[in-house]
Amino acid sequence: MQGTIMITENIALVKKNMETACRKAGRNPDEASLIAVSKTKPIEMLREAYEAGCRDFGENKVQEIMDKYGQLPSDIRWHMIGHLQRNKVKYIVDKVFLIHSVDSYRLACEISKEAVKKGIEVNILVEVNVAEEESKFGAHREEVLELIENIAVLPGICVKGLMTIAPYVENAEENRQHFVNLRQLSVDIMSKNIDNVSMGILSMGMTGDYVVALEEGATYVRVGTGIFGDRK
């Protein structure tokens, strides 16, 4: 029972924090959604989060999505938030609600190819390495517009916005400028009115900094530890 109570209480707390952050920024709390980052977590814990109202779950690995997909309710929206290898695309294009981590034209082409094969539209976000960290995936800010213009003409694929993984910091305020920069980039791209591109989604903010991300316009926050506790 202990686990259930913890997960349920954690979700309630995160949602309350989300609402407060949105109101502080003069935003409607309905504009922001919570993704429970369930990577490495067992099915039972995901079920508890589902019972507590979560419908969006984020996974880092294709294999985990494959393993969990059939064991959980069909109204779950799966989000691929980890680095996606081109040779794994075919396994998940028809299973995920949104791919957050498209960081190259070659990956987008592979998604397009598989989407056309399956006769579906795949929604994607372009991942931006907004802090320009060596260790992180993602396109550099100055490359993003051209990348999106190239992706936009591919069949079977729809660009819905941007995603970033901000640096791990002790003080969330240190990441505020990165969130401001991503938001500004999305506004700039939006102003170009590119066909097949909308900038309605900003996926930014994790357990340590989601409140700041929401104050700066996040529409999806990705919270793992704040819901499920530390990964072993």
Protein backbone atom coordinates (compact mmCIF):
# COMPACT_ATOMS: atom_id res chain seq x y z
CA MET A 1 0.00 0.00 0.00
CA GLN A 2 2.86 2.31 0.85
CA GLY A 3 3.83 2.70 -2.83
CA THR A 4 0.32 3.54 -3.97
CA ILE A 5 -0.10 6.28 -1.40
CA MET A 6 3.29 7.76 -2.23
CA ILE A 7 2.69 7.86 -5.99
CA THR A 8 -0.86 9.21 -5.63
CA GLU A 9 0.26 11.89 -3.18
CA ASN A 10 3.26 12.81 -5.32
CA ILE A 11 1.08 13.27 -8.41
CA ALA A 12 -1.38 15.42 -6.46
CA LEU A 13 1.49 17.58 -5.21
CA VAL A 14 3.05 17.96 -8.67
CA LYS A 15 -0.33 18.91 -10.17
CA LYS A 16 -0.90 21.45 -7.41
CA ASN A 17 2.55 22.96 -8.03
CA MET A 18 1.81 23.06 -11.76
CA GLU A 19 -1.45 24.91 -11.20
CA THR A 20 0.22 27.43 -8.88
CA ALA A 21 3.05 28.06 -11.37
CA CYS A 22 0.62 28.60 -14.24
CA ARG A 23 -1.55 30.99 -12.25
CA LYS A 24 1.53 32.94 -11.14
CA ALA A 25 2.47 33.36 -14.81
CA GLY A 26 -1.08 34.37 -15.73
CA ARG A 27 -1.63 31.15 -17.66
CA ASN A 28 -4.60 28.81 -17.72
CA PRO A 29 -3.46 25.61 -15.91
CA ASP A 30 -5.24 23.58 -18.60
CA GLU A 31 -2.52 24.67 -21.03
CA ALA A 32 0.04 22.47 -19.27
CA SER A 33 0.16 18.68 -19.09
CA LEU A 34 2.14 16.30 -16.91
CA ILE A 35 4.15 13.46 -18.42
CA ALA A 36 4.99 10.78 -15.86
CA VAL A 37 8.50 9.67 -16.77
CA SER A 38 8.26 5.95 -16.17
CA LYS A 39 11.58 4.71 -17.56
CA THR A 40 12.97 1.71 -15.63
CA LYS A 41 9.79 1.60 -13.51
CA PRO A 42 7.78 -1.61 -13.17
CA ILE A 43 4.27 -1.96 -14.60
CA GLU A 44 2.68 -1.90 -11.11
CA MET A 45 4.00 1.61 -10.50
CA LEU A 46 2.67 2.80 -13.86
CA ARG A 47 -0.71 1.30 -13.00
CA GLU A 48 -0.73 3.26 -9.74
CA ALA A 49 0.04 6.48 -11.60
CA TYR A 50 -2.70 5.64 -14.11
CA GLU A 51 -5.19 5.09 -11.26
CA ALA A 52 -4.15 8.50 -9.90
CA GLY A 53 -5.15 10.10 -13.19
CA CYS A 54 -1.96 10.09 -15.29
CA ARG A 55 -2.52 9.36 -18.99
CA ASP A 56 0.77 10.62 -20.43
CA PHE A 57 3.83 8.44 -19.84
CA GLY A 58 7.36 9.13 -21.03
CA GLU A 59 9.91 6.45 -21.85
CA ASN A 60 13.56 6.71 -22.88
CA LYS A 61 13.95 3.36 -24.59
CA VAL A 62 12.05 1.79 -27.46
CA GLN A 63 12.24 -1.64 -25.82
CA GLU A 64 10.50 -0.38 -22.69
CA ILE A 65 7.65 1.11 -24.70
CA MET A 66 7.31 -2.21 -26.54
CA ASP A 67 7.27 -4.18 -23.27
CA LYS A 68 4.79 -1.94 -21.48
CA TYR A 69 2.50 -0.99 -24.36
CA GLY A 70 0.37 -4.13 -24.38
CA GLN A 71 0.19 -4.50 -20.61
CA LEU A 72 -1.47 -1.17 -19.83
CA PRO A 73 -4.74 0.53 -20.81
CA SER A 74 -5.05 1.60 -24.43
CA ASP A 75 -5.94 5.22 -23.61
CA ILE A 76 -2.39 5.91 -22.38
CA ARG A 77 -0.47 8.41 -24.51
CA TRP A 78 3.12 7.19 -24.82
CA HIS A 79 5.86 9.78 -25.29
CA MET A 80 9.28 8.86 -26.64
CA ILE A 81 11.52 11.27 -24.77
CA GLY A 82 14.91 9.56 -25.10
CA HIS A 83 17.38 9.51 -27.96
CA LEU A 84 15.83 7.53 -30.81
CA GLN A 85 18.00 5.40 -33.08
CA ARG A 86 16.93 5.21 -36.70
CA ASN A 87 16.88 1.41 -36.75
CA LYS A 88 14.32 1.37 -33.90
CA VAL A 89 11.84 3.83 -35.43
CA LYS A 90 9.71 1.14 -37.11
CA TYR A 91 8.81 -0.46 -33.78
CA ILE A 92 7.17 2.58 -32.22
CA VAL A 93 5.84 5.02 -34.85
CA ASP A 94 2.34 3.58 -34.53
CA LYS A 95 2.50 3.23 -30.74
CA VAL A 96 3.57 6.65 -29.52
CA PHE A 97 1.48 9.79 -29.20
CA LEU A 98 4.50 12.06 -29.63
CA ILE A 99 8.22 11.72 -30.35
CA HIS A 100 9.98 14.47 -28.40
CA SER A 101 13.55 13.77 -29.44
CA VAL A 102 13.93 14.40 -33.17
CA ASP A 103 17.33 16.04 -33.52
CA SER A 104 18.36 15.34 -37.12
CA TYR A 105 17.01 15.33 -40.64
CA ARG A 106 18.09 11.69 -41.09
CA LEU A 107 15.98 10.60 -38.12
CA ALA A 108 13.00 12.60 -39.42
CA CYS A 109 13.36 10.90 -42.83
CA GLU A 110 13.26 7.48 -41.19
CA ILE A 111 10.14 8.44 -39.20
CA SER A 112 8.54 9.74 -42.40
CA LYS A 113 9.38 6.55 -44.28
CA GLU A 114 7.82 4.32 -41.60
CA ALA A 115 4.79 6.61 -41.23
CA VAL A 116 4.06 6.43 -44.96
CA LYS A 117 4.48 2.66 -44.88
CA LYS A 118 1.91 2.38 -42.08
CA GLY A 119 -0.39 5.07 -43.49
CA ILE A 120 -0.22 7.26 -40.38
CA GLU A 121 0.73 10.80 -39.33
CA VAL A 122 3.45 10.93 -36.69
CA ASN A 123 3.64 13.95 -34.39
CA ILE A 124 7.11 15.05 -33.44
CA LEU A 125 8.98 17.73 -31.52
CA VAL A 126 12.40 18.96 -32.53
CA GLU A 127 14.89 18.57 -29.70
CA VAL A 128 17.03 21.65 -29.10
CA ASN A 129 20.27 21.59 -27.15
CA VAL A 130 19.41 24.98 -25.74
CA ALA A 131 22.26 25.08 -23.21
CA GLU A 132 24.76 23.80 -25.82
CA GLU A 133 26.01 21.03 -23.55
CA GLU A 134 28.56 18.72 -25.16
CA SER A 135 27.02 15.65 -23.55
CA LYS A 136 23.45 16.27 -24.77
CA PHE A 137 21.64 15.42 -27.95
CA GLY A 138 19.63 18.05 -29.79
CA ALA A 139 20.04 20.56 -32.58
CA HIS A 140 21.82 23.84 -31.86
CA ARG A 141 19.58 26.88 -31.78
CA GLU A 142 20.95 28.38 -34.98
CA GLU A 143 20.27 25.12 -36.88
CA VAL A 144 16.69 24.62 -35.76
CA LEU A 145 14.82 26.76 -38.28
CA GLU A 146 16.52 25.17 -41.28
CA LEU A 147 16.03 21.70 -39.82
CA ILE A 148 12.31 22.35 -39.33
CA GLU A 149 11.92 23.77 -42.84
CA ASN A 150 13.47 20.57 -44.22
CA ILE A 151 11.38 18.26 -42.04
CA ALA A 152 8.14 20.13 -42.79
CA VAL A 153 7.98 18.88 -46.39
CA LEU A 154 8.35 15.20 -45.46
CA PRO A 155 5.16 13.13 -45.78
CA GLY A 156 3.56 11.46 -42.76
CA ILE A 157 5.22 13.69 -40.20
CA CYS A 158 3.96 16.75 -38.35
CA VAL A 159 6.11 19.19 -36.35
CA LYS A 160 4.21 20.19 -33.21
CA GLY A 161 6.81 22.17 -31.28
CA LEU A 162 10.14 22.04 -29.47
CA MET A 163 11.70 20.08 -26.64
CA THR A 164 14.80 20.59 -24.52
CA ILE A 165 16.58 18.87 -21.67
CA ALA A 166 18.01 21.66 -19.54
CA PRO A 167 21.19 21.13 -17.49
CA TYR A 168 21.00 19.38 -14.14
CA VAL A 169 21.24 22.19 -11.59
CA GLU A 170 20.75 22.50 -7.84
CA ASN A 171 18.96 25.83 -8.25
CA ALA A 172 16.15 25.79 -10.82
CA GLU A 173 16.53 29.54 -11.41
CA GLU A 174 19.77 28.80 -13.26
CA ASN A 175 17.71 27.17 -16.02
CA ARG A 176 15.18 29.98 -16.41
CA GLN A 177 17.09 31.65 -19.23
CA HIS A 178 17.26 28.36 -21.17
CA PHE A 179 13.47 28.07 -20.97
CA VAL A 180 13.07 31.71 -22.03
CA ASN A 181 15.36 31.02 -25.00
CA LEU A 182 13.39 27.96 -26.11
CA ARG A 183 10.14 29.85 -25.84
CA GLN A 184 11.57 32.73 -27.89
CA LEU A 185 12.82 30.29 -30.52
CA SER A 186 9.35 28.80 -30.82
CA VAL A 187 7.83 32.27 -31.25
CA ASP A 188 10.38 33.10 -33.97
CA ILE A 189 9.63 29.86 -35.83
CA MET A 190 5.88 30.36 -35.45
CA SER A 191 6.18 33.78 -37.11
CA LYS A 192 7.57 32.13 -40.26
CA ASN A 193 4.19 30.41 -40.89
CA ILE A 194 5.75 27.23 -42.26
CA ASP A 195 3.24 24.74 -43.68
CA ASN A 196 2.81 21.59 -41.59
CA VAL A 197 4.50 23.20 -38.58
CA SER A 198 2.84 24.40 -35.41
CA MET A 199 4.62 25.55 -32.28
CA GLY A 200 1.86 24.73 -29.81
CA ILE A 201 4.01 22.40 -27.71
CA LEU A 202 6.98 23.29 -25.52
CA SER A 203 8.28 20.22 -23.74
CA MET A 204 10.63 21.50 -21.05
CA GLY A 205 11.16 21.14 -17.34
CA MET A 206 11.77 18.07 -15.19
CA THR A 207 11.48 17.19 -11.50
CA GLY A 208 13.97 19.83 -10.37
CA ASP A 209 12.86 22.75 -12.50
CA TYR A 210 9.35 22.17 -13.88
CA VAL A 211 7.87 25.07 -11.89
CA VAL A 212 10.26 27.53 -13.52
CA ALA A 213 9.63 25.92 -16.92
CA LEU A 214 5.88 26.40 -16.51
CA GLU A 215 6.37 30.04 -15.56
CA GLU A 216 8.21 30.43 -18.88
CA GLY A 217 5.63 28.70 -21.05
CA ALA A 218 6.10 24.92 -20.89
CA THR A 219 3.08 22.95 -22.14
CA TYR A 220 4.52 19.55 -21.18
CA VAL A 221 6.65 18.91 -18.12
CA ARG A 222 8.40 15.56 -17.72
CA VAL A 223 8.48 14.41 -14.11
CA GLY A 224 9.94 11.08 -13.03
CA THR A 225 11.65 11.25 -9.64
CA GLY A 226 9.00 13.68 -8.36
CA ILE A 227 6.36 10.99 -8.94
CA PHE A 228 8.05 7.60 -8.63
CA GLY A 229 10.94 8.43 -6.32
CA ASP A 230 14.64 8.01 -7.09
CA ARG A 231 15.70 5.42 -9.63
CA LYS A 232 17.70 2.64 -8.09
